[in-house]
N, C-alpha and C. Protein backbone atom coordinates (compact mmCIF):
# COMPACT_ATOMS: atom_id res chain seq x y z
N MET A 1 -4.28 63.25 130.30
CA MET A 1 -5.27 62.18 130.21
C MET A 1 -6.66 62.79 130.33
N HIS A 2 -7.59 62.23 129.61
CA HIS A 2 -8.98 62.67 129.71
C HIS A 2 -9.79 61.60 130.44
N TYR A 3 -10.76 62.03 131.18
CA TYR A 3 -11.60 61.14 131.97
C TYR A 3 -13.03 61.19 131.46
N PRO A 4 -13.78 60.09 131.61
CA PRO A 4 -15.18 60.12 131.17
C PRO A 4 -16.00 61.08 132.04
N ILE A 5 -16.99 61.68 131.43
CA ILE A 5 -17.92 62.55 132.15
C ILE A 5 -19.13 61.70 132.54
N ILE A 6 -19.51 61.78 133.83
CA ILE A 6 -20.65 61.03 134.32
C ILE A 6 -21.63 61.95 135.05
N VAL A 7 -22.86 61.46 135.17
CA VAL A 7 -23.89 62.11 135.98
C VAL A 7 -24.22 61.13 137.11
N VAL A 8 -24.15 61.62 138.35
CA VAL A 8 -24.46 60.78 139.50
C VAL A 8 -25.70 61.34 140.19
N ASP A 9 -26.74 60.54 140.29
CA ASP A 9 -27.93 60.88 141.07
C ASP A 9 -27.76 60.22 142.43
N TRP A 10 -27.84 61.01 143.50
CA TRP A 10 -27.54 60.46 144.82
C TRP A 10 -28.26 61.23 145.93
N GLY A 11 -28.41 60.57 147.05
CA GLY A 11 -29.06 61.16 148.21
C GLY A 11 -28.03 61.76 149.14
N ASP A 12 -28.22 63.02 149.50
CA ASP A 12 -27.26 63.76 150.32
C ASP A 12 -27.81 63.99 151.73
N ALA A 13 -26.91 64.04 152.67
CA ALA A 13 -27.27 64.43 154.04
C ALA A 13 -27.50 65.94 154.08
N PHE A 14 -28.22 66.41 155.08
CA PHE A 14 -28.43 67.84 155.23
C PHE A 14 -28.77 68.15 156.68
N ILE A 15 -28.76 69.43 156.99
CA ILE A 15 -29.17 69.89 158.32
C ILE A 15 -30.28 70.91 158.14
N ASP A 16 -31.26 70.84 159.00
CA ASP A 16 -32.38 71.78 159.00
C ASP A 16 -32.44 72.40 160.39
N THR A 17 -32.25 73.70 160.48
CA THR A 17 -32.19 74.36 161.78
C THR A 17 -33.54 74.88 162.26
N ASP A 18 -34.61 74.61 161.50
CA ASP A 18 -35.95 75.02 161.93
C ASP A 18 -36.41 74.13 163.08
N ASP A 19 -37.39 74.62 163.84
CA ASP A 19 -38.02 73.79 164.86
C ASP A 19 -38.86 72.72 164.18
N PHE A 20 -39.01 71.56 164.81
CA PHE A 20 -39.77 70.46 164.23
C PHE A 20 -40.34 69.59 165.34
N ASP A 21 -41.34 68.81 164.98
CA ASP A 21 -41.82 67.83 165.95
C ASP A 21 -41.27 66.46 165.56
N VAL A 22 -41.21 65.56 166.52
CA VAL A 22 -40.59 64.25 166.32
C VAL A 22 -41.31 63.44 165.25
N LYS A 23 -42.63 63.54 165.19
CA LYS A 23 -43.40 62.79 164.21
C LYS A 23 -43.01 63.18 162.78
N ASP A 24 -42.88 64.48 162.52
CA ASP A 24 -42.45 64.94 161.20
C ASP A 24 -40.99 64.59 160.93
N ALA A 25 -40.14 64.69 161.94
CA ALA A 25 -38.72 64.39 161.77
C ALA A 25 -38.51 62.93 161.37
N ALA A 26 -39.34 62.04 161.84
CA ALA A 26 -39.21 60.61 161.53
C ALA A 26 -39.45 60.33 160.04
N LYS A 27 -40.07 61.26 159.33
CA LYS A 27 -40.36 61.07 157.89
C LYS A 27 -39.27 61.66 156.99
N THR A 28 -38.18 62.13 157.57
CA THR A 28 -37.12 62.79 156.81
C THR A 28 -36.44 61.83 155.84
N THR A 29 -36.17 62.31 154.63
CA THR A 29 -35.46 61.55 153.61
C THR A 29 -34.28 62.38 153.11
N PRO A 30 -33.31 61.75 152.43
CA PRO A 30 -32.18 62.52 151.90
C PRO A 30 -32.62 63.54 150.86
N VAL A 31 -31.81 64.56 150.68
CA VAL A 31 -32.00 65.52 149.60
C VAL A 31 -31.38 64.89 148.35
N MET A 32 -32.15 64.80 147.28
CA MET A 32 -31.63 64.18 146.06
C MET A 32 -30.81 65.20 145.26
N ARG A 33 -29.63 64.76 144.87
CA ARG A 33 -28.69 65.61 144.11
C ARG A 33 -28.41 64.97 142.76
N ARG A 34 -28.03 65.80 141.82
CA ARG A 34 -27.53 65.33 140.51
C ARG A 34 -26.21 66.06 140.29
N THR A 35 -25.13 65.30 140.25
CA THR A 35 -23.79 65.86 140.13
C THR A 35 -23.16 65.39 138.82
N VAL A 36 -22.56 66.33 138.09
CA VAL A 36 -21.88 66.03 136.83
C VAL A 36 -20.39 66.29 137.04
N GLY A 37 -19.55 65.34 136.58
CA GLY A 37 -18.11 65.56 136.72
C GLY A 37 -17.30 64.54 135.96
N PHE A 38 -15.98 64.74 135.99
CA PHE A 38 -15.05 63.78 135.40
C PHE A 38 -14.88 62.64 136.39
N LEU A 39 -15.05 61.40 135.94
CA LEU A 39 -14.87 60.23 136.80
C LEU A 39 -13.38 59.95 136.93
N ILE A 40 -12.84 60.21 138.10
CA ILE A 40 -11.42 59.99 138.36
C ILE A 40 -11.19 58.56 138.85
N ALA A 41 -12.10 58.07 139.70
CA ALA A 41 -11.96 56.71 140.23
C ALA A 41 -13.29 56.27 140.83
N LYS A 42 -13.45 54.95 140.88
CA LYS A 42 -14.53 54.33 141.65
C LYS A 42 -13.86 53.28 142.50
N ASN A 43 -14.14 53.31 143.80
CA ASN A 43 -13.57 52.31 144.69
C ASN A 43 -14.69 51.70 145.53
N LYS A 44 -14.34 50.86 146.48
CA LYS A 44 -15.37 50.17 147.27
C LYS A 44 -16.18 51.12 148.15
N HIS A 45 -15.73 52.38 148.26
CA HIS A 45 -16.43 53.35 149.10
C HIS A 45 -17.31 54.31 148.30
N GLY A 46 -16.99 54.51 147.02
CA GLY A 46 -17.79 55.44 146.23
C GLY A 46 -17.10 55.93 144.98
N TYR A 47 -17.61 57.05 144.48
CA TYR A 47 -17.13 57.66 143.24
C TYR A 47 -16.32 58.91 143.56
N VAL A 48 -15.18 59.06 142.89
CA VAL A 48 -14.35 60.25 143.01
C VAL A 48 -14.47 61.02 141.70
N LEU A 49 -14.96 62.25 141.80
CA LEU A 49 -15.16 63.10 140.63
C LEU A 49 -14.28 64.33 140.73
N ALA A 50 -14.04 64.97 139.60
CA ALA A 50 -13.37 66.26 139.56
C ALA A 50 -14.15 67.17 138.62
N THR A 51 -14.09 68.47 138.89
CA THR A 51 -14.81 69.41 138.03
C THR A 51 -13.97 69.89 136.85
N ASP A 52 -12.64 69.81 136.98
CA ASP A 52 -11.77 70.36 135.94
C ASP A 52 -10.58 69.45 135.66
N GLU A 53 -10.17 69.43 134.40
CA GLU A 53 -8.87 68.89 134.01
C GLU A 53 -8.02 70.10 133.65
N PHE A 54 -6.71 70.02 133.92
CA PHE A 54 -5.86 71.11 133.49
C PHE A 54 -4.55 70.58 132.95
N ALA A 55 -3.93 71.37 132.08
CA ALA A 55 -2.80 70.89 131.29
C ALA A 55 -1.44 71.03 131.97
N LYS A 56 -1.37 71.64 133.15
CA LYS A 56 -0.07 71.84 133.79
C LYS A 56 0.59 70.52 134.18
N LYS A 57 -0.23 69.51 134.45
CA LYS A 57 0.27 68.18 134.78
C LYS A 57 -0.40 67.17 133.88
N LYS A 58 0.27 66.04 133.66
CA LYS A 58 -0.29 65.01 132.79
C LYS A 58 -1.65 64.54 133.29
N ASP A 59 -1.78 64.31 134.58
CA ASP A 59 -3.04 63.86 135.17
C ASP A 59 -3.63 64.93 136.08
N GLY A 60 -3.51 66.19 135.69
CA GLY A 60 -3.95 67.28 136.55
C GLY A 60 -5.46 67.44 136.57
N VAL A 61 -6.04 67.45 137.77
CA VAL A 61 -7.46 67.70 137.97
C VAL A 61 -7.63 68.59 139.19
N SER A 62 -8.82 69.17 139.34
CA SER A 62 -9.08 69.99 140.53
C SER A 62 -10.53 69.82 140.98
N ALA A 63 -10.78 70.34 142.16
CA ALA A 63 -12.11 70.31 142.79
C ALA A 63 -12.63 68.88 142.94
N LYS A 64 -11.90 68.08 143.71
CA LYS A 64 -12.28 66.69 143.96
C LYS A 64 -13.58 66.63 144.76
N MET A 65 -14.45 65.72 144.36
CA MET A 65 -15.70 65.47 145.08
C MET A 65 -15.85 63.97 145.26
N PHE A 66 -16.34 63.58 146.44
CA PHE A 66 -16.56 62.16 146.73
C PHE A 66 -18.04 61.93 147.00
N VAL A 67 -18.61 60.92 146.32
CA VAL A 67 -20.00 60.54 146.54
C VAL A 67 -20.00 59.11 147.11
N PRO A 68 -20.49 58.93 148.35
CA PRO A 68 -20.49 57.59 148.96
C PRO A 68 -21.35 56.61 148.16
N LEU A 69 -20.82 55.43 147.94
CA LEU A 69 -21.49 54.41 147.14
C LEU A 69 -22.89 54.08 147.67
N GLY A 70 -23.06 54.03 148.96
CA GLY A 70 -24.35 53.69 149.55
C GLY A 70 -25.44 54.71 149.29
N MET A 71 -25.07 55.91 148.87
CA MET A 71 -26.05 56.96 148.61
C MET A 71 -26.37 57.11 147.11
N VAL A 72 -25.66 56.39 146.25
CA VAL A 72 -25.83 56.51 144.80
C VAL A 72 -27.09 55.78 144.36
N LYS A 73 -27.93 56.48 143.63
CA LYS A 73 -29.15 55.89 143.07
C LYS A 73 -28.96 55.48 141.61
N ARG A 74 -28.20 56.30 140.85
CA ARG A 74 -28.00 56.00 139.43
C ARG A 74 -26.74 56.73 138.94
N VAL A 75 -26.02 56.08 138.03
CA VAL A 75 -24.87 56.69 137.37
C VAL A 75 -25.06 56.56 135.87
N THR A 76 -24.91 57.66 135.16
CA THR A 76 -25.04 57.68 133.70
C THR A 76 -23.74 58.21 133.11
N GLN A 77 -23.12 57.43 132.24
CA GLN A 77 -21.90 57.89 131.58
C GLN A 77 -22.29 58.68 130.34
N MET A 78 -21.77 59.92 130.24
CA MET A 78 -22.14 60.83 129.16
C MET A 78 -21.17 60.79 127.99
N THR A 79 -19.93 60.41 128.25
CA THR A 79 -18.92 60.33 127.20
C THR A 79 -18.27 58.96 127.25
N PRO A 80 -17.71 58.51 126.14
CA PRO A 80 -17.02 57.21 126.17
C PRO A 80 -15.80 57.26 127.07
N THR A 81 -15.41 56.11 127.58
CA THR A 81 -14.18 56.02 128.36
C THR A 81 -13.01 56.21 127.40
N PRO A 82 -12.18 57.22 127.65
CA PRO A 82 -11.05 57.48 126.75
C PRO A 82 -10.05 56.32 126.76
N GLU A 83 -9.44 56.08 125.61
CA GLU A 83 -8.40 55.06 125.55
C GLU A 83 -7.12 55.68 126.09
N GLU A 84 -6.38 54.89 126.84
CA GLU A 84 -5.14 55.40 127.42
C GLU A 84 -4.00 55.26 126.45
């Protein structure tokens, strides 16, 4: 099976180990990411993507990634949804 390819723009959590003052820390925002992958599923929690399809199994995919729905800013579908 083939899956549609999508681009997800989303805000990611991060850690900064530098010293900081509280005033500057209060202005912290998420790191914006742009992730491209095969859309495996979308559920009430977010998007499930994979980086690879492989032929050993009918629905074989690898490198699963999850993007929480609350952090998604935009989703762009790059390929049509394949017919099953």
